[in-house]
């Protein structure tokens, strides 16, 4: 029981100490650059009717697509321990080939060029 009370007291002391240190060392006069809002590369204080580039969505979709690829390929080392790992390797190779062909097609069409 004494060990639990010691752990609770030490964690409370440490958290209060770190919070006080943060308030003490924090910069109290932030500059205007850090206080200004920043919205996707354009001035948010102007008109709301500016055309929004669809390329922001393209980059986000490509990021999600390749992030999903990593999530799908993550269990591959465990699949290699199955009785027939050739099927897992085949599907992983097909997935990588399909995504690579899609990326090459998008690149060839100029969809990844940012300049307008």
PDB file of N, CA and C in Angstrom:
ATOM      1  N   UNK A   1       0.815  -1.196   0.000  1.00  0.00           N
ATOM      2  CA  UNK A   1       0.000   0.000   0.000  1.00  0.00           C
ATOM      3  C   UNK A   1       0.862   1.264   0.000  1.00  0.00           C
ATOM      4  N   UNK A   2       1.994   1.195   0.697  1.00  0.00           N
ATOM      5  CA  UNK A   2       2.889   2.343   0.738  1.00  0.00           C
ATOM      6  C   UNK A   2       3.472   2.651  -0.633  1.00  0.00           C
ATOM      7  N   UNK A   3       3.708   1.602  -1.411  1.00  0.00           N
ATOM      8  CA  UNK A   3       4.260   1.801  -2.751  1.00  0.00           C
ATOM      9  C   UNK A   3       3.258   2.533  -3.649  1.00  0.00           C
ATOM     10  N   UNK A   4       1.991   2.206  -3.521  1.00  0.00           N
ATOM     11  CA  UNK A   4       0.959   2.868  -4.329  1.00  0.00           C
ATOM     12  C   UNK A   4       0.858   4.342  -3.945  1.00  0.00           C
ATOM     13  N   UNK A   5       0.861   4.628  -2.649  1.00  0.00           N
ATOM     14  CA  UNK A   5       0.811   6.027  -2.218  1.00  0.00           C
ATOM     15  C   UNK A   5       2.045   6.800  -2.666  1.00  0.00           C
ATOM     16  N   UNK A   6       3.210   6.143  -2.623  1.00  0.00           N
ATOM     17  CA  UNK A   6       4.430   6.787  -3.099  1.00  0.00           C
ATOM     18  C   UNK A   6       4.346   7.094  -4.591  1.00  0.00           C
ATOM     19  N   UNK A   7       3.833   6.160  -5.393  1.00  0.00           N
ATOM     20  CA  UNK A   7       3.698   6.374  -6.837  1.00  0.00           C
ATOM     21  C   UNK A   7       2.709   7.493  -7.137  1.00  0.00           C
ATOM     22  N   UNK A   8       1.595   7.533  -6.435  1.00  0.00           N
ATOM     23  CA  UNK A   8       0.602   8.594  -6.648  1.00  0.00           C
ATOM     24  C   UNK A   8       1.187   9.948  -6.259  1.00  0.00           C
ATOM     25  N   UNK A   9       1.861  10.001  -5.117  1.00  0.00           N
ATOM     26  CA  UNK A   9       2.444  11.275  -4.666  1.00  0.00           C
ATOM     27  C   UNK A   9       3.541  11.744  -5.608  1.00  0.00           C
ATOM     28  N   UNK A  10       4.378  10.827  -6.063  1.00  0.00           N
ATOM     29  CA  UNK A  10       5.456  11.238  -6.964  1.00  0.00           C
ATOM     30  C   UNK A  10       4.920  11.669  -8.330  1.00  0.00           C
ATOM     31  N   UNK A  11       3.907  10.998  -8.845  1.00  0.00           N
ATOM     32  CA  UNK A  11       3.350  11.410 -10.143  1.00  0.00           C
ATOM     33  C   UNK A  11       2.624  12.744 -10.036  1.00  0.00           C
ATOM     34  N   UNK A  12       1.918  12.975  -8.916  1.00  0.00           N
ATOM     35  CA  UNK A  12       1.269  14.275  -8.726  1.00  0.00           C
ATOM     36  C   UNK A  12       2.306  15.389  -8.588  1.00  0.00           C
ATOM     37  N   UNK A  13       3.350  15.126  -7.824  1.00  0.00           N
ATOM     38  CA  UNK A  13       4.400  16.121  -7.655  1.00  0.00           C
ATOM     39  C   UNK A  13       5.084  16.436  -8.982  1.00  0.00           C
ATOM     40  N   UNK A  14       5.384  15.409  -9.731  1.00  0.00           N
ATOM     41  CA  UNK A  14       6.040  15.619 -11.018  1.00  0.00           C
ATOM     42  C   UNK A  14       5.145  16.374 -11.988  1.00  0.00           C
ATOM     43  N   UNK A  15       3.865  16.038 -12.047  1.00  0.00           N
ATOM     44  CA  UNK A  15       2.973  16.734 -12.974  1.00  0.00           C
ATOM     45  C   UNK A  15       2.761  18.188 -12.574  1.00  0.00           C
ATOM     46  N   UNK A  16       2.640  18.460 -11.281  1.00  0.00           N
ATOM     47  CA  UNK A  16       2.498  19.853 -10.834  1.00  0.00           C
ATOM     48  C   UNK A  16       3.777  20.629 -11.092  1.00  0.00           C
ATOM     49  N   UNK A  17       4.915  20.002 -10.851  1.00  0.00           N
ATOM     50  CA  UNK A  17       6.197  20.659 -11.106  1.00  0.00           C
ATOM     51  C   UNK A  17       6.389  20.987 -12.588  1.00  0.00           C
ATOM     52  N   UNK A  18       6.056  20.053 -13.456  1.00  0.00           N
ATOM     53  CA  UNK A  18       6.210  20.299 -14.892  1.00  0.00           C
ATOM     54  C   UNK A  18       5.220  21.339 -15.399  1.00  0.00           C
ATOM     55  N   UNK A  19       4.006  21.352 -14.870  1.00  0.00           N
ATOM     56  CA  UNK A  19       3.028  22.366 -15.263  1.00  0.00           C
ATOM     57  C   UNK A  19       3.486  23.752 -14.819  1.00  0.00           C
ATOM     58  N   UNK A  20       3.979  23.858 -13.597  1.00  0.00           N
ATOM     59  CA  UNK A  20       4.471  25.150 -13.112  1.00  0.00           C
ATOM     60  C   UNK A  20       5.680  25.606 -13.910  1.00  0.00           C
ATOM     61  N   UNK A  21       6.555  24.678 -14.246  1.00  0.00           N
ATOM     62  CA  UNK A  21       7.722  25.017 -15.060  1.00  0.00           C
ATOM     63  C   UNK A  21       7.308  25.503 -16.449  1.00  0.00           C
ATOM     64  N   UNK A  22       6.276  24.896 -17.003  1.00  0.00           N
ATOM     65  CA  UNK A  22       5.778  25.325 -18.310  1.00  0.00           C
ATOM     66  C   UNK A  22       5.232  26.750 -18.248  1.00  0.00           C
ATOM     67  N   UNK A  23       4.453  27.061 -17.226  1.00  0.00           N
ATOM     68  CA  UNK A  23       3.923  28.414 -17.103  1.00  0.00           C
ATOM     69  C   UNK A  23       5.030  29.429 -16.832  1.00  0.00           C
ATOM     70  N   UNK A  24       6.051  29.011 -16.132  1.00  0.00           N
ATOM     71  CA  UNK A  24       7.134  29.921 -15.791  1.00  0.00           C
ATOM     72  C   UNK A  24       8.042  30.196 -16.984  1.00  0.00           C
ATOM     73  N   UNK A  25       8.325  29.170 -17.790  1.00  0.00           N
ATOM     74  CA  UNK A  25       9.242  29.326 -18.911  1.00  0.00           C
ATOM     75  C   UNK A  25       8.565  29.717 -20.221  1.00  0.00           C
ATOM     76  N   UNK A  26       7.256  29.702 -20.249  1.00  0.00           N
ATOM     77  CA  UNK A  26       6.543  30.000 -21.499  1.00  0.00           C
ATOM     78  C   UNK A  26       6.771  31.453 -21.907  1.00  0.00           C
ATOM     79  N   UNK A  27       6.798  31.651 -23.226  1.00  0.00           N
ATOM     80  CA  UNK A  27       6.975  33.001 -23.751  1.00  0.00           C
ATOM     81  C   UNK A  27       5.651  33.749 -23.595  1.00  0.00           C
ATOM     82  N   UNK A  28       5.692  34.876 -22.922  1.00  0.00           N
ATOM     83  CA  UNK A  28       4.454  35.601 -22.622  1.00  0.00           C
ATOM     84  C   UNK A  28       4.086  36.636 -23.679  1.00  0.00           C
ATOM     85  N   UNK A  29       4.962  36.911 -24.629  1.00  0.00           N
ATOM     86  CA  UNK A  29       4.654  37.892 -25.662  1.00  0.00           C
ATOM     87  C   UNK A  29       4.821  37.252 -27.046  1.00  0.00           C
ATOM     88  N   UNK A  30       3.859  36.448 -27.488  1.00  0.00           N
ATOM     89  CA  UNK A  30       3.978  35.819 -28.810  1.00  0.00           C
ATOM     90  C   UNK A  30       3.868  36.861 -29.919  1.00  0.00           C
ATOM     91  N   UNK A  31       4.581  36.625 -31.001  1.00  0.00           N
ATOM     92  CA  UNK A  31       4.571  37.586 -32.105  1.00  0.00           C
ATOM     93  C   UNK A  31       3.326  37.389 -32.973  1.00  0.00           C
ATOM     94  N   UNK A  32       3.106  38.343 -33.853  1.00  0.00           N
ATOM     95  CA  UNK A  32       1.883  38.336 -34.664  1.00  0.00           C
ATOM     96  C   UNK A  32       1.877  37.219 -35.705  1.00  0.00           C
ATOM     97  N   UNK A  33       3.050  36.752 -36.113  1.00  0.00           N
ATOM     98  CA  UNK A  33       3.109  35.665 -37.093  1.00  0.00           C
ATOM     99  C   UNK A  33       2.537  34.374 -36.516  1.00  0.00           C
ATOM    100  N   UNK A  34       2.836  34.102 -35.271  1.00  0.00           N
ATOM    101  CA  UNK A  34       2.339  32.877 -34.653  1.00  0.00           C
ATOM    102  C   UNK A  34       0.865  32.976 -34.285  1.00  0.00           C
ATOM    103  N   UNK A  35       0.364  34.177 -34.114  1.00  0.00           N
ATOM    104  CA  UNK A  35      -1.038  34.351 -33.776  1.00  0.00           C
ATOM    105  C   UNK A  35      -1.937  34.406 -35.005  1.00  0.00           C
ATOM    106  N   UNK A  36      -1.367  34.604 -36.181  1.00  0.00           N
ATOM    107  CA  UNK A  36      -2.189  34.716 -37.383  1.00  0.00           C
ATOM    108  C   UNK A  36      -2.645  33.335 -37.851  1.00  0.00           C
ATOM    109  N   UNK A  37      -3.886  33.226 -38.319  1.00  0.00           N
ATOM    110  CA  UNK A  37      -4.363  31.931 -38.814  1.00  0.00           C
ATOM    111  C   UNK A  37      -3.750  31.608 -40.170  1.00  0.00           C
ATOM    112  N   UNK A  38      -3.626  30.342 -40.450  1.00  0.00           N
ATOM    113  CA  UNK A  38      -3.059  29.892 -41.725  1.00  0.00           C
ATOM    114  C   UNK A  38      -3.964  28.807 -42.282  1.00  0.00           C
ATOM    115  N   UNK A  39      -4.483  29.015 -43.454  1.00  0.00           N
ATOM    116  CA  UNK A  39      -5.452  28.087 -44.031  1.00  0.00           C
ATOM    117  C   UNK A  39      -4.992  27.613 -45.396  1.00  0.00           C
ATOM    118  N   UNK A  40      -4.372  26.498 -45.472  1.00  0.00           N
ATOM    119  CA  UNK A  40      -4.082  25.776 -46.718  1.00  0.00           C
ATOM    120  C   UNK A  40      -3.379  26.631 -47.771  1.00  0.00           C
ATOM    121  N   UNK A  41      -2.514  27.498 -47.397  1.00  0.00           N
ATOM    122  CA  UNK A  41      -1.711  28.210 -48.361  1.00  0.00           C
ATOM    123  C   UNK A  41      -2.305  29.491 -48.909  1.00  0.00           C
ATOM    124  N   UNK A  42      -3.447  29.936 -48.445  1.00  0.00           N
ATOM    125  CA  UNK A  42      -3.990  31.212 -48.913  1.00  0.00           C
ATOM    126  C   UNK A  42      -4.416  32.048 -47.715  1.00  0.00           C
ATOM    127  N   UNK A  43      -4.580  33.334 -47.934  1.00  0.00           N
ATOM    128  CA  UNK A  43      -4.886  34.276 -46.864  1.00  0.00           C
ATOM    129  C   UNK A  43      -6.316  34.071 -46.379  1.00  0.00           C
ATOM    130  N   UNK A  44      -6.543  33.718 -45.111  1.00  0.00           N
ATOM    131  CA  UNK A  44      -7.896  33.478 -44.637  1.00  0.00           C
ATOM    132  C   UNK A  44      -8.659  34.756 -44.316  1.00  0.00           C
ATOM    133  N   UNK A  45      -7.975  35.885 -44.339  1.00  0.00           N
ATOM    134  CA  UNK A  45      -8.638  37.128 -43.991  1.00  0.00           C
ATOM    135  C   UNK A  45      -9.261  37.805 -45.198  1.00  0.00           C
ATOM    136  N   UNK A  46      -9.060  37.272 -46.395  1.00  0.00           N
ATOM    137  CA  UNK A  46      -9.633  37.852 -47.597  1.00  0.00           C
ATOM    138  C   UNK A  46     -11.061  37.366 -47.823  1.00  0.00           C
ATOM    139  N   UNK A  47     -11.485  37.415 -49.052  1.00  0.00           N
ATOM    140  CA  UNK A  47     -12.831  36.989 -49.392  1.00  0.00           C
ATOM    141  C   UNK A  47     -12.944  35.466 -49.340  1.00  0.00           C
ATOM    142  N   UNK A  48     -14.119  34.984 -49.029  1.00  0.00           N
ATOM    143  CA  UNK A  48     -14.344  33.538 -48.934  1.00  0.00           C
ATOM    144  C   UNK A  48     -14.675  32.923 -50.290  1.00  0.00           C
ATOM    145  N   UNK A  49     -14.764  33.714 -51.322  1.00  0.00           N
ATOM    146  CA  UNK A  49     -15.164  33.224 -52.640  1.00  0.00           C
ATOM    147  C   UNK A  49     -13.988  32.955 -53.563  1.00  0.00           C
ATOM    148  N   UNK A  50     -12.779  32.841 -53.013  1.00  0.00           N
ATOM    149  CA  UNK A  50     -11.625  32.528 -53.851  1.00  0.00           C
ATOM    150  C   UNK A  50     -11.708  31.079 -54.316  1.00  0.00           C
ATOM    151  N   UNK A  51     -11.269  30.802 -55.535  1.00  0.00           N
ATOM    152  CA  UNK A  51     -11.290  29.403 -55.988  1.00  0.00           C
ATOM    153  C   UNK A  51     -10.298  28.569 -55.200  1.00  0.00           C
ATOM    154  N   UNK A  52     -10.734  27.406 -54.806  1.00  0.00           N
ATOM    155  CA  UNK A  52      -9.904  26.503 -54.002  1.00  0.00           C
ATOM    156  C   UNK A  52      -9.335  25.443 -54.916  1.00  0.00           C
ATOM    157  N   UNK A  53      -8.037  25.224 -54.818  1.00  0.00           N
ATOM    158  CA  UNK A  53      -7.379  24.255 -55.681  1.00  0.00           C
ATOM    159  C   UNK A  53      -7.750  22.831 -55.275  1.00  0.00           C
ATOM    160  N   UNK A  54      -8.121  22.040 -56.244  1.00  0.00           N
ATOM    161  CA  UNK A  54      -8.494  20.656 -56.002  1.00  0.00           C
ATOM    162  C   UNK A  54      -7.251  19.814 -55.735  1.00  0.00           C
ATOM    163  N   UNK A  55      -6.094  20.338 -56.037  1.00  0.00           N
ATOM    164  CA  UNK A  55      -4.853  19.587 -55.848  1.00  0.00           C
ATOM    165  C   UNK A  55      -4.573  19.300 -54.371  1.00  0.00           C
ATOM    166  N   UNK A  56      -5.114  20.127 -53.480  1.00  0.00           N
ATOM    167  CA  UNK A  56      -4.981  19.821 -52.059  1.00  0.00           C
ATOM    168  C   UNK A  56      -5.668  18.486 -51.759  1.00  0.00           C
ATOM    169  N   UNK A  57      -6.841  18.286 -52.354  1.00  0.00           N
ATOM    170  CA  UNK A  57      -7.561  17.034 -52.134  1.00  0.00           C
ATOM    171  C   UNK A  57      -6.831  15.864 -52.783  1.00  0.00           C
ATOM    172  N   UNK A  58      -6.202  16.101 -53.926  1.00  0.00           N
ATOM    173  CA  UNK A  58      -5.445  15.041 -54.600  1.00  0.00           C
ATOM    174  C   UNK A  58      -4.287  14.566 -53.739  1.00  0.00           C
ATOM    175  N   UNK A  59      -3.569  15.507 -53.153  1.00  0.00           N
ATOM    176  CA  UNK A  59      -2.452  15.137 -52.286  1.00  0.00           C
ATOM    177  C   UNK A  59      -2.967  14.381 -51.057  1.00  0.00           C
ATOM    178  N   UNK A  60      -4.079  14.818 -50.497  1.00  0.00           N
ATOM    179  CA  UNK A  60      -4.636  14.134 -49.330  1.00  0.00           C
ATOM    180  C   UNK A  60      -5.096  12.723 -49.686  1.00  0.00           C
ATOM    181  N   UNK A  61      -5.722  12.544 -50.842  1.00  0.00           N
ATOM    182  CA  UNK A  61      -6.180  11.222 -51.251  1.00  0.00           C
ATOM    183  C   UNK A  61      -4.998  10.304 -51.538  1.00  0.00           C
ATOM    184  N   UNK A  62      -3.953  10.833 -52.169  1.00  0.00           N
ATOM    185  CA  UNK A  62      -2.762  10.017 -52.405  1.00  0.00           C
ATOM    186  C   UNK A  62      -2.099   9.614 -51.094  1.00  0.00           C
ATOM    187  N   UNK A  63      -2.060  10.538 -50.141  1.00  0.00           N
ATOM    188  CA  UNK A  63      -1.499  10.183 -48.838  1.00  0.00           C
ATOM    189  C   UNK A  63      -2.304   9.079 -48.176  1.00  0.00           C
ATOM    190  N   UNK A  64      -3.625   9.208 -48.187  1.00  0.00           N
ATOM    191  CA  UNK A  64      -4.468   8.175 -47.577  1.00  0.00           C
ATOM    192  C   UNK A  64      -4.337   6.847 -48.301  1.00  0.00           C
ATOM    193  N   UNK A  65      -4.197   6.887 -49.601  1.00  0.00           N
ATOM    194  CA  UNK A  65      -4.068   5.652 -50.374  1.00  0.00           C
ATOM    195  C   UNK A  65      -2.796   4.904 -50.006  1.00  0.00           C
ATOM    196  N   UNK A  66      -1.683   5.610 -49.946  1.00  0.00           N
ATOM    197  CA  UNK A  66      -0.433   4.934 -49.620  1.00  0.00           C
ATOM    198  C   UNK A  66      -0.328   4.621 -48.130  1.00  0.00           C
ATOM    199  N   UNK A  67      -1.036   5.357 -47.301  1.00  0.00           N
ATOM    200  CA  UNK A  67      -1.115   5.011 -45.892  1.00  0.00           C
ATOM    201  C   UNK A  67      -1.915   3.717 -45.721  1.00  0.00           C
ATOM    202  N   UNK A  68      -2.965   3.570 -46.497  1.00  0.00           N
ATOM    203  CA  UNK A  68      -3.747   2.343 -46.477  1.00  0.00           C
ATOM    204  C   UNK A  68      -2.931   1.169 -46.998  1.00  0.00           C
ATOM    205  N   UNK A  69      -2.079   1.427 -47.978  1.00  0.00           N
ATOM    206  CA  UNK A  69      -1.212   0.360 -48.490  1.00  0.00           C
ATOM    207  C   UNK A  69      -0.293  -0.155 -47.396  1.00  0.00           C
ATOM    208  N   UNK A  70       0.256   0.741 -46.612  1.00  0.00           N
ATOM    209  CA  UNK A  70       1.124   0.316 -45.516  1.00  0.00           C
ATOM    210  C   UNK A  70       0.335  -0.502 -44.506  1.00  0.00           C
ATOM    211  N   UNK A  71      -0.886  -0.074 -44.216  1.00  0.00           N
ATOM    212  CA  UNK A  71      -1.706  -0.816 -43.256  1.00  0.00           C
ATOM    213  C   UNK A  71      -2.074  -2.203 -43.784  1.00  0.00           C
ATOM    214  N   UNK A  72      -2.263  -2.315 -45.094  1.00  0.00           N
ATOM    215  CA  UNK A  72      -2.602  -3.623 -45.660  1.00  0.00           C
ATOM    216  C   UNK A  72      -1.392  -4.542 -45.749  1.00  0.00           C
ATOM    217  N   UNK A  73      -0.205  -3.966 -45.920  1.00  0.00           N
ATOM    218  CA  UNK A  73       0.996  -4.789 -46.035  1.00  0.00           C
ATOM    219  C   UNK A  73       1.654  -5.071 -44.689  1.00  0.00           C
ATOM    220  N   UNK A  74       1.160  -4.468 -43.627  1.00  0.00           N
ATOM    221  CA  UNK A  74       1.763  -4.667 -42.323  1.00  0.00           C
ATOM    222  C   UNK A  74       1.719  -6.125 -41.847  1.00  0.00           C
ATOM    223  N   UNK A  75       0.644  -6.868 -42.032  1.00  0.00           N
ATOM    224  CA  UNK A  75       0.630  -8.261 -41.554  1.00  0.00           C
ATOM    225  C   UNK A  75       1.385  -9.235 -42.458  1.00  0.00           C
ATOM    226  N   UNK A  76       2.060  -8.754 -43.479  1.00  0.00           N
ATOM    227  CA  UNK A  76       2.742  -9.640 -44.418  1.00  0.00           C
ATOM    228  C   UNK A  76       3.833 -10.506 -43.767  1.00  0.00           C
ATOM    229  N   UNK A  77       4.639  -9.994 -42.843  1.00  0.00           N
ATOM    230  CA  UNK A  77       5.624 -10.902 -42.213  1.00  0.00           C
ATOM    231  C   UNK A  77       4.984 -12.055 -41.454  1.00  0.00           C
ATOM    232  N   UNK A  78       3.830 -11.843 -40.865  1.00  0.00           N
ATOM    233  CA  UNK A  78       3.147 -12.934 -40.171  1.00  0.00           C
ATOM    234  C   UNK A  78       2.515 -13.895 -41.168  1.00  0.00           C
ATOM    235  N   UNK A  79       2.133 -13.375 -42.320  1.00  0.00           N
ATOM    236  CA  UNK A  79       1.561 -14.252 -43.347  1.00  0.00           C
ATOM    237  C   UNK A  79       2.621 -15.140 -43.971  1.00  0.00           C
ATOM    238  N   UNK A  80       3.875 -14.740 -43.864  1.00  0.00           N
ATOM    239  CA  UNK A  80       4.954 -15.576 -44.402  1.00  0.00           C
ATOM    240  C   UNK A  80       5.140 -16.856 -43.578  1.00  0.00           C
ATOM    241  N   UNK A  81       4.600 -16.895 -42.382  1.00  0.00           N
ATOM    242  CA  UNK A  81       4.739 -18.064 -41.529  1.00  0.00           C
ATOM    243  C   UNK A  81       3.612 -19.072 -41.736  1.00  0.00           C
ATOM    244  N   UNK A  82       2.695 -18.796 -42.645  1.00  0.00           N
ATOM    245  CA  UNK A  82       1.611 -19.728 -42.930  1.00  0.00           C
ATOM    246  C   UNK A  82       2.145 -20.922 -43.717  1.00  0.00           C
ATOM    247  N   UNK A  83       1.264 -21.896 -43.955  1.00  0.00           N
ATOM    248  CA  UNK A  83       1.697 -23.095 -44.664  1.00  0.00           C
ATOM    249  C   UNK A  83       2.019 -22.810 -46.124  1.00  0.00           C
ATOM    250  N   UNK A  84       1.232 -21.940 -46.743  1.00  0.00           N
ATOM    251  CA  UNK A  84       1.509 -21.577 -48.144  1.00  0.00           C
ATOM    252  C   UNK A  84       1.612 -20.057 -48.264  1.00  0.00           C
ATOM    253  N   UNK A  85       2.804 -19.521 -48.095  1.00  0.00           N
ATOM    254  CA  UNK A  85       2.963 -18.067 -48.157  1.00  0.00           C
ATOM    255  C   UNK A  85       2.931 -17.513 -49.576  1.00  0.00           C
ATOM    256  N   UNK A  86       2.881 -18.374 -50.581  1.00  0.00           N
ATOM    257  CA  UNK A  86       2.898 -17.872 -51.963  1.00  0.00           C
ATOM    258  C   UNK A  86       1.637 -17.087 -52.286  1.00  0.00           C
ATOM    259  N   UNK A  87       0.506 -17.486 -51.731  1.00  0.00           N
ATOM    260  CA  UNK A  87      -0.741 -16.746 -51.998  1.00  0.00           C
ATOM    261  C   UNK A  87      -0.670 -15.347 -51.386  1.00  0.00           C
ATOM    262  N   UNK A  88      -0.135 -15.234 -50.181  1.00  0.00           N
ATOM    263  CA  UNK A  88       0.007 -13.915 -49.547  1.00  0.00           C
ATOM    264  C   UNK A  88       0.967 -13.037 -50.331  1.00  0.00           C
ATOM    265  N   UNK A  89       2.079 -13.619 -50.777  1.00  0.00           N
ATOM    266  CA  UNK A  89       3.033 -12.851 -51.578  1.00  0.00           C
ATOM    267  C   UNK A  89       2.441 -12.439 -52.916  1.00  0.00           C
ATOM    268  N   UNK A  90       1.644 -13.307 -53.492  1.00  0.00           N
ATOM    269  CA  UNK A  90       1.002 -12.974 -54.764  1.00  0.00           C
ATOM    270  C   UNK A  90       0.062 -11.791 -54.603  1.00  0.00           C
ATOM    271  N   UNK A  91      -0.791 -11.823 -53.574  1.00  0.00           N
ATOM    272  CA  UNK A  91      -1.734 -10.719 -53.367  1.00  0.00           C
ATOM    273  C   UNK A  91      -1.014  -9.427 -52.998  1.00  0.00           C
ATOM    274  N   UNK A  92       0.051  -9.526 -52.210  1.00  0.00           N
ATOM    275  CA  UNK A  92       0.818  -8.327 -51.871  1.00  0.00           C
ATOM    276  C   UNK A  92       1.492  -7.747 -53.110  1.00  0.00           C
ATOM    277  N   UNK A  93       2.015  -8.614 -53.966  1.00  0.00           N
ATOM    278  CA  UNK A  93       2.653  -8.141 -55.201  1.00  0.00           C
ATOM    279  C   UNK A  93       1.636  -7.502 -56.132  1.00  0.00           C
ATOM    280  N   UNK A  94       0.447  -8.089 -56.213  1.00  0.00           N
ATOM    281  CA  UNK A  94      -0.610  -7.513 -57.056  1.00  0.00           C
ATOM    282  C   UNK A  94      -1.010  -6.135 -56.524  1.00  0.00           C
ATOM    283  N   UNK A  95      -1.130  -6.021 -55.195  1.00  0.00           N
ATOM    284  CA  UNK A  95      -1.502  -4.729 -54.605  1.00  0.00           C
ATOM    285  C   UNK A  95      -0.437  -3.675 -54.880  1.00  0.00           C
ATOM    286  N   UNK A  96       0.823  -4.015 -54.687  1.00  0.00           N
ATOM    287  CA  UNK A  96       1.904  -3.056 -54.938  1.00  0.00           C
ATOM    288  C   UNK A  96       1.981  -2.697 -56.415  1.00  0.00           C
ATOM    289  N   UNK A  97       1.812  -3.679 -57.288  1.00  0.00           N
ATOM    290  CA  UNK A  97       1.841  -3.416 -58.730  1.00  0.00           C
ATOM    291  C   UNK A  97       0.692  -2.512 -59.149  1.00  0.00           C
ATOM    292  N   UNK A  98      -0.497  -2.758 -58.626  1.00  0.00           N
ATOM    293  CA  UNK A  98      -1.654  -1.936 -58.970  1.00  0.00           C
ATOM    294  C   UNK A  98      -1.476  -0.498 -58.493  1.00  0.00           C
ATOM    295  N   UNK A  99      -0.994  -0.330 -57.278  1.00  0.00           N
ATOM    296  CA  UNK A  99      -0.775   1.028 -56.780  1.00  0.00           C
ATOM    297  C   UNK A  99       0.359   1.731 -57.514  1.00  0.00           C
ATOM    298  N   UNK A 100       1.393   0.993 -57.889  1.00  0.00           N
ATOM    299  CA  UNK A 100       2.493   1.592 -58.648  1.00  0.00           C
ATOM    300  C   UNK A 100       2.028   2.024 -60.032  1.00  0.00           C
ATOM    301  N   UNK A 101       1.227   1.180 -60.687  1.00  0.00           N
ATOM    302  CA  UNK A 101       0.698   1.565 -62.006  1.00  0.00           C
ATOM    303  C   UNK A 101      -0.220   2.782 -61.910  1.00  0.00           C
ATOM    304  N   UNK A 102      -1.022   2.849 -60.848  1.00  0.00           N
ATOM    305  CA  UNK A 102      -1.860   4.035 -60.643  1.00  0.00           C
ATOM    306  C   UNK A 102      -1.052   5.291 -60.421  1.00  0.00           C
ATOM    307  N   UNK A 103       0.022   5.178 -59.664  1.00  0.00           N
ATOM    308  CA  UNK A 103       0.889   6.339 -59.426  1.00  0.00           C
ATOM    309  C   UNK A 103       1.602   6.770 -60.699  1.00  0.00           C
ATOM    310  N   UNK A 104       2.074   5.814 -61.482  1.00  0.00           N
ATOM    311  CA  UNK A 104       2.735   6.139 -62.755  1.00  0.00           C
ATOM    312  C   UNK A 104       1.742   6.809 -63.700  1.00  0.00           C
ATOM    313  N   UNK A 105       0.518   6.317 -63.747  1.00  0.00           N
ATOM    314  CA  UNK A 105      -0.506   6.924 -64.616  1.00  0.00           C
ATOM    315  C   UNK A 105      -0.817   8.349 -64.166  1.00  0.00           C
ATOM    316  N   UNK A 106      -0.958   8.552 -62.851  1.00  0.00           N
ATOM    317  CA  UNK A 106      -1.242   9.889 -62.334  1.00  0.00           C
ATOM    318  C   UNK A 106      -0.082  10.837 -62.617  1.00  0.00           C
ATOM    319  N   UNK A 107       1.121  10.336 -62.512  1.00  0.00           N
ATOM    320  CA  UNK A 107       2.302  11.141 -62.782  1.00  0.00           C
ATOM    321  C   UNK A 107       2.388  11.483 -64.263  1.00  0.00           C
ATOM    322  N   UNK A 108       2.082  10.511 -65.138  1.00  0.00           N
ATOM    323  CA  UNK A 108       2.136  10.740 -66.586  1.00  0.00           C
ATOM    324  C   UNK A 108       1.050  11.717 -67.044  1.00  0.00           C
ATOM    325  N   UNK A 109      -0.086  11.717 -66.366  1.00  0.00           N
ATOM    326  CA  UNK A 109      -1.160  12.634 -66.731  1.00  0.00           C
ATOM    327  C   UNK A 109      -0.918  14.057 -66.233  1.00  0.00           C
ATOM    328  N   UNK A 110       0.107  14.236 -65.391  1.00  0.00           N
ATOM    329  CA  UNK A 110       0.414  15.571 -64.876  1.00  0.00           C
ATOM    330  C   UNK A 110      -0.400  15.943 -63.654  1.00  0.00           C
ATOM    331  N   UNK A 111      -0.994  14.964 -63.018  1.00  0.00           N
ATOM    332  CA  UNK A 111      -1.808  15.252 -61.838  1.00  0.00           C
ATOM    333  C   UNK A 111      -1.015  15.612 -60.619  1.00  0.00           C
ATOM    334  N   UNK A 112       0.271  15.310 -60.617  1.00  0.00           N
ATOM    335  CA  UNK A 112       1.102  15.630 -59.464  1.00  0.00           C
ATOM    336  C   UNK A 112       1.864  16.935 -59.642  1.00  0.00           C
ATOM    337  N   UNK A 113       1.696  17.595 -60.786  1.00  0.00           N
ATOM    338  CA  UNK A 113       2.351  18.882 -61.025  1.00  0.00           C
ATOM    339  C   UNK A 113       1.570  19.960 -60.269  1.00  0.00           C
ATOM    340  N   UNK A 114       2.254  20.696 -59.433  1.00  0.00           N
ATOM    341  CA  UNK A 114       1.564  21.695 -58.622  1.00  0.00           C
ATOM    342  C   UNK A 114       1.355  23.007 -59.361  1.00  0.00           C
ATOM    343  N   UNK A 115       2.263  23.385 -60.239  1.00  0.00           N
ATOM    344  CA  UNK A 115       2.142  24.658 -60.958  1.00  0.00           C
ATOM    345  C   UNK A 115       0.958  24.589 -61.926  1.00  0.00           C
ATOM    346  N   UNK A 116       0.279  25.722 -62.044  1.00  0.00           N
ATOM    347  CA  UNK A 116      -0.905  25.744 -62.895  1.00  0.00           C
ATOM    348  C   UNK A 116      -0.598  26.375 -64.234  1.00  0.00           C
TER     349      UNK A 116
END
